[in-house]
Amino acid sequence: MIDQFFWWCVGVLQYIGTITGMGYNLANIVIFVILQPGLILLFFILWRKEKKKNRNRF
């Protein structure tokens, strides 16, 4: 079951790479090296701002 899920994910990455013209490797880098850490950092910053704003309210 995990093996099937892995190969499905590889297929999705290959599809994304084909559609965008980037290829599998570049699509993998863009998603997991740039987008994912960027989103984590963005949400962390937003969370800290919201936490600070709520702390000042009380």
N, C-alpha and C. Protein backbone atom coordinates (compact mmCIF):
# COMPACT_ATOMS: atom_id res chain seq x y z
N MET A 1 0.82 -1.19 0.00
CA MET A 1 0.00 0.00 0.00
C MET A 1 0.88 1.26 0.00
N ILE A 2 1.90 1.32 0.83
CA ILE A 2 2.79 2.47 0.86
C ILE A 2 3.55 2.58 -0.46
N ASP A 3 3.94 1.44 -1.00
CA ASP A 3 4.65 1.44 -2.28
C ASP A 3 3.77 2.02 -3.38
N GLN A 4 2.50 1.66 -3.38
CA GLN A 4 1.57 2.19 -4.39
C GLN A 4 1.40 3.69 -4.23
N PHE A 5 1.30 4.15 -2.99
CA PHE A 5 1.15 5.59 -2.72
C PHE A 5 2.40 6.34 -3.19
N PHE A 6 3.58 5.79 -2.92
CA PHE A 6 4.83 6.40 -3.35
C PHE A 6 4.85 6.55 -4.87
N TRP A 7 4.52 5.50 -5.59
CA TRP A 7 4.56 5.57 -7.05
C TRP A 7 3.48 6.48 -7.61
N TRP A 8 2.35 6.59 -6.91
CA TRP A 8 1.33 7.55 -7.31
C TRP A 8 1.87 8.97 -7.17
N CYS A 9 2.57 9.25 -6.05
CA CYS A 9 3.18 10.57 -5.85
C CYS A 9 4.24 10.87 -6.90
N VAL A 10 5.04 9.88 -7.25
CA VAL A 10 6.04 10.05 -8.32
C VAL A 10 5.33 10.39 -9.62
N GLY A 11 4.25 9.71 -9.91
CA GLY A 11 3.47 9.99 -11.12
C GLY A 11 2.91 11.41 -11.13
N VAL A 12 2.45 11.86 -9.97
CA VAL A 12 1.93 13.24 -9.87
C VAL A 12 3.06 14.23 -10.14
N LEU A 13 4.23 14.01 -9.56
CA LEU A 13 5.37 14.89 -9.79
C LEU A 13 5.79 14.87 -11.26
N GLN A 14 5.77 13.70 -11.88
CA GLN A 14 6.10 13.62 -13.30
C GLN A 14 5.08 14.37 -14.14
N TYR A 15 3.82 14.26 -13.77
CA TYR A 15 2.76 14.96 -14.48
C TYR A 15 2.94 16.48 -14.34
N ILE A 16 3.20 16.95 -13.12
CA ILE A 16 3.44 18.38 -12.89
C ILE A 16 4.65 18.84 -13.71
N GLY A 17 5.71 18.04 -13.70
CA GLY A 17 6.90 18.38 -14.47
C GLY A 17 6.64 18.44 -15.96
N THR A 18 5.80 17.55 -16.46
CA THR A 18 5.47 17.54 -17.88
C THR A 18 4.60 18.73 -18.26
N ILE A 19 3.59 19.00 -17.44
CA ILE A 19 2.66 20.09 -17.74
C ILE A 19 3.37 21.44 -17.71
N THR A 20 4.25 21.65 -16.73
CA THR A 20 4.92 22.93 -16.59
C THR A 20 6.17 23.04 -17.46
N GLY A 21 6.66 21.91 -17.95
CA GLY A 21 7.87 21.91 -18.75
C GLY A 21 9.14 21.90 -17.92
N MET A 22 9.01 21.75 -16.62
CA MET A 22 10.17 21.76 -15.73
C MET A 22 10.86 20.41 -15.65
N GLY A 23 10.12 19.35 -15.78
CA GLY A 23 10.66 18.02 -15.57
C GLY A 23 10.48 17.58 -14.13
N TYR A 24 10.63 16.31 -13.89
CA TYR A 24 10.40 15.71 -12.57
C TYR A 24 11.34 16.30 -11.52
N ASN A 25 12.64 16.35 -11.83
CA ASN A 25 13.62 16.78 -10.83
C ASN A 25 13.40 18.23 -10.40
N LEU A 26 13.20 19.12 -11.35
CA LEU A 26 12.99 20.52 -11.01
C LEU A 26 11.67 20.73 -10.28
N ALA A 27 10.63 20.00 -10.68
CA ALA A 27 9.34 20.10 -9.97
C ALA A 27 9.51 19.65 -8.53
N ASN A 28 10.26 18.59 -8.31
CA ASN A 28 10.52 18.09 -6.96
C ASN A 28 11.26 19.15 -6.14
N ILE A 29 12.26 19.79 -6.72
CA ILE A 29 13.03 20.82 -6.02
C ILE A 29 12.14 22.01 -5.69
N VAL A 30 11.36 22.46 -6.67
CA VAL A 30 10.51 23.63 -6.45
C VAL A 30 9.51 23.37 -5.33
N ILE A 31 8.90 22.20 -5.34
CA ILE A 31 7.87 21.90 -4.33
C ILE A 31 8.48 21.70 -2.95
N PHE A 32 9.50 20.86 -2.84
CA PHE A 32 9.97 20.43 -1.53
C PHE A 32 11.15 21.22 -0.99
N VAL A 33 11.81 22.01 -1.81
CA VAL A 33 12.94 22.80 -1.32
C VAL A 33 12.58 24.28 -1.24
N ILE A 34 11.66 24.73 -2.09
CA ILE A 34 11.31 26.15 -2.11
C ILE A 34 9.92 26.40 -1.53
N LEU A 35 8.89 25.79 -2.11
CA LEU A 35 7.51 26.08 -1.70
C LEU A 35 7.19 25.62 -0.28
N GLN A 36 7.47 24.37 0.04
CA GLN A 36 7.11 23.85 1.36
C GLN A 36 7.80 24.61 2.49
N PRO A 37 9.13 24.78 2.46
CA PRO A 37 9.75 25.56 3.53
C PRO A 37 9.27 27.02 3.55
N GLY A 38 9.01 27.58 2.37
CA GLY A 38 8.50 28.95 2.31
C GLY A 38 7.14 29.08 2.97
N LEU A 39 6.26 28.11 2.72
CA LEU A 39 4.95 28.14 3.36
C LEU A 39 5.05 27.93 4.86
N ILE A 40 5.93 27.04 5.29
CA ILE A 40 6.11 26.83 6.72
C ILE A 40 6.59 28.11 7.38
N LEU A 41 7.55 28.78 6.77
CA LEU A 41 8.06 30.04 7.30
C LEU A 41 6.97 31.11 7.31
N LEU A 42 6.20 31.22 6.23
CA LEU A 42 5.12 32.20 6.16
C LEU A 42 4.10 31.97 7.27
N PHE A 43 3.65 30.73 7.45
CA PHE A 43 2.66 30.45 8.48
C PHE A 43 3.22 30.65 9.88
N PHE A 44 4.51 30.38 10.08
CA PHE A 44 5.13 30.63 11.37
C PHE A 44 5.14 32.13 11.67
N ILE A 45 5.50 32.94 10.67
CA ILE A 45 5.51 34.40 10.87
C ILE A 45 4.10 34.92 11.14
N LEU A 46 3.12 34.45 10.38
CA LEU A 46 1.74 34.88 10.61
C LEU A 46 1.24 34.47 11.98
N TRP A 47 1.61 33.27 12.42
CA TRP A 47 1.21 32.78 13.74
C TRP A 47 1.80 33.65 14.83
N ARG A 48 3.11 33.99 14.70
CA ARG A 48 3.78 34.83 15.70
C ARG A 48 3.15 36.23 15.75
N LYS A 49 2.82 36.80 14.58
CA LYS A 49 2.19 38.12 14.56
C LYS A 49 0.83 38.08 15.24
N GLU A 50 0.06 37.03 14.95
CA GLU A 50 -1.27 36.91 15.56
C GLU A 50 -1.15 36.69 17.06
N LYS A 51 -0.21 35.89 17.48
CA LYS A 51 0.01 35.63 18.91
C LYS A 51 0.39 36.92 19.62
N LYS A 52 1.27 37.71 19.00
CA LYS A 52 1.70 38.98 19.60
C LYS A 52 0.51 39.96 19.66
N LYS A 53 -0.30 40.00 18.61
CA LYS A 53 -1.46 40.89 18.58
C LYS A 53 -2.46 40.52 19.66
N ASN A 54 -2.68 39.23 19.86
CA ASN A 54 -3.63 38.79 20.89
C ASN A 54 -3.09 39.02 22.29
N ARG A 55 -1.78 38.95 22.47
CA ARG A 55 -1.17 39.17 23.79
C ARG A 55 -1.33 40.63 24.20
N ASN A 56 -1.23 41.55 23.25
CA ASN A 56 -1.35 42.96 23.55
C ASN A 56 -2.79 43.38 23.82
N ARG A 57 -3.73 42.58 23.41
CA ARG A 57 -5.15 42.92 23.58
C ARG A 57 -5.61 42.73 25.01
N PHE A 58 -4.99 41.82 25.76
CA PHE A 58 -5.46 41.53 27.11
C PHE A 58 -4.68 42.24 28.17
